[in-house]
Amino acid sequence: MKGWRVLLDLFREARLAMLENWGRSLLSMIGIAVGIAAVMTVDTVSIGGRAFVMKELETFGLKSVWVFRAYSSKDPHKRTRAGTGITNNDLIALQGDCCPSVSLISPS
């Protein structure tokens, strides 16, 4: 019984404090609403961004393989060669009997 009375007194005190400081109470409620809206906006944007990235990755497919050859040189100051480094001979070898599991190949 005593706990209910204390709780009732606390609610009365809180109501009086809100009525006496109505401007501060209003600004606090506006701040809470803006904070919740900001969190919801960030969450929505991140979910949309994640969906966009996953959609772009799905265009490549699960069975796609990208092949790059890196030319290594003993000279660290030598400029690297532009492009992927895959030559026409490599393309012909991949289309031939080299890799029977490759069904389609596209040079770019």
Protein backbone atom coordinates (compact mmCIF):
# COMPACT_ATOMS: atom_id res chain seq x y z
CA MET A 1 0.00 0.00 0.00
CA LYS A 2 2.88 2.33 0.82
CA GLY A 3 4.53 1.77 -2.58
CA TRP A 4 1.42 2.93 -4.46
CA ARG A 5 1.27 6.14 -2.46
CA VAL A 6 4.91 6.94 -3.24
CA LEU A 7 4.29 6.25 -6.92
CA LEU A 8 1.22 8.50 -6.91
CA ASP A 9 3.20 11.28 -5.25
CA LEU A 10 5.94 10.96 -7.89
CA PHE A 11 3.39 11.27 -10.71
CA ARG A 12 1.87 14.37 -9.10
CA GLU A 13 5.31 15.95 -8.73
CA ALA A 14 6.21 15.15 -12.33
CA ARG A 15 2.93 16.67 -13.56
CA LEU A 16 3.54 19.85 -11.59
CA ALA A 17 7.11 20.10 -12.88
CA MET A 18 5.92 19.71 -16.46
CA LEU A 19 3.24 22.38 -16.02
CA GLU A 20 5.66 24.84 -14.41
CA ASN A 21 8.35 24.28 -17.07
CA TRP A 22 6.13 23.76 -20.11
CA GLY A 23 8.66 25.27 -22.51
CA ARG A 24 11.43 22.94 -21.40
CA SER A 25 9.04 19.98 -21.51
CA LEU A 26 7.95 20.87 -25.04
CA LEU A 27 11.53 21.21 -26.25
CA SER A 28 12.43 17.87 -24.66
CA MET A 29 9.54 16.14 -26.43
CA ILE A 30 10.53 17.72 -29.75
CA GLY A 31 14.14 16.61 -29.21
CA ILE A 32 13.05 13.04 -28.52
CA ALA A 33 10.84 13.01 -31.64
CA VAL A 34 13.65 14.38 -33.83
CA GLY A 35 16.10 11.82 -32.41
CA ILE A 36 13.76 8.92 -33.13
CA ALA A 37 13.13 10.23 -36.67
CA ALA A 38 16.89 10.52 -37.28
CA VAL A 39 17.54 6.94 -36.14
CA MET A 40 14.71 5.65 -38.33
CA THR A 41 16.04 7.58 -41.33
CA VAL A 42 19.57 6.23 -40.92
CA ASP A 43 18.22 2.71 -40.56
CA THR A 44 16.09 3.04 -43.70
CA VAL A 45 18.96 4.44 -45.75
CA SER A 46 21.32 1.67 -44.61
CA ILE A 47 18.77 -1.04 -45.47
CA GLY A 48 18.22 0.53 -48.90
CA GLY A 49 21.96 0.76 -49.51
CA ARG A 50 22.47 -2.85 -48.51
CA ALA A 51 19.68 -3.94 -50.87
CA PHE A 52 21.23 -1.93 -53.72
CA VAL A 53 24.65 -3.52 -53.20
CA MET A 54 23.17 -7.02 -53.03
CA LYS A 55 21.20 -6.40 -56.23
CA GLU A 56 24.38 -5.27 -58.01
CA LEU A 57 26.26 -8.35 -56.79
CA GLU A 58 23.46 -10.63 -57.99
CA THR A 59 23.96 -9.41 -61.56
CA PHE A 60 27.33 -11.16 -61.63
CA GLY A 61 25.78 -14.50 -60.69
CA LEU A 62 27.06 -17.24 -58.45
CA LYS A 63 28.95 -19.05 -61.20
CA SER A 64 30.93 -16.07 -62.48
CA VAL A 65 34.69 -15.95 -62.12
CA TRP A 66 36.84 -12.92 -62.82
CA VAL A 67 40.41 -13.73 -63.82
CA PHE A 68 43.22 -11.22 -63.53
CA ARG A 69 46.92 -11.73 -63.93
CA ALA A 70 49.29 -9.53 -61.97
CA TYR A 71 52.67 -8.92 -63.54
CA SER A 72 55.31 -8.97 -60.86
CA SER A 73 58.65 -7.33 -61.27
CA LYS A 74 61.76 -7.27 -59.15
CA ASP A 75 62.03 -3.52 -59.65
CA PRO A 76 59.59 -1.86 -57.17
CA HIS A 77 59.82 1.50 -58.99
CA LYS A 78 58.74 0.12 -62.36
CA ARG A 79 55.26 1.19 -63.48
CA THR A 80 52.67 -1.53 -63.54
CA ARG A 81 51.19 -2.56 -66.85
CA ALA A 82 47.74 -1.12 -67.63
CA GLY A 83 44.82 -3.50 -68.13
CA THR A 84 44.19 -6.94 -66.75
CA GLY A 85 47.29 -8.56 -68.16
CA ILE A 86 45.29 -11.29 -69.89
CA THR A 87 46.49 -11.71 -73.47
CA ASN A 88 44.76 -13.13 -76.53
CA ASN A 89 46.81 -16.31 -76.15
CA ASP A 90 45.38 -16.72 -72.65
CA LEU A 91 41.86 -16.27 -74.05
CA ILE A 92 42.44 -18.88 -76.74
CA ALA A 93 43.87 -21.29 -74.16
CA LEU A 94 40.84 -20.85 -71.90
CA GLN A 95 38.46 -21.41 -74.83
CA GLY A 96 40.32 -24.56 -75.83
CA ASP A 97 40.89 -27.78 -73.91
CA CYS A 98 42.57 -26.04 -70.99
CA CYS A 99 39.48 -25.63 -68.83
CA PRO A 100 36.54 -27.86 -69.82
CA SER A 101 34.36 -26.50 -66.99
CA VAL A 102 34.38 -22.99 -68.52
CA SER A 103 31.24 -22.70 -70.62
CA LEU A 104 31.27 -19.00 -71.53
CA ILE A 105 34.11 -16.50 -71.66
CA SER A 106 34.09 -12.83 -72.47
CA PRO A 107 37.21 -10.71 -72.90
CA SER A 108 36.91 -7.07 -71.89
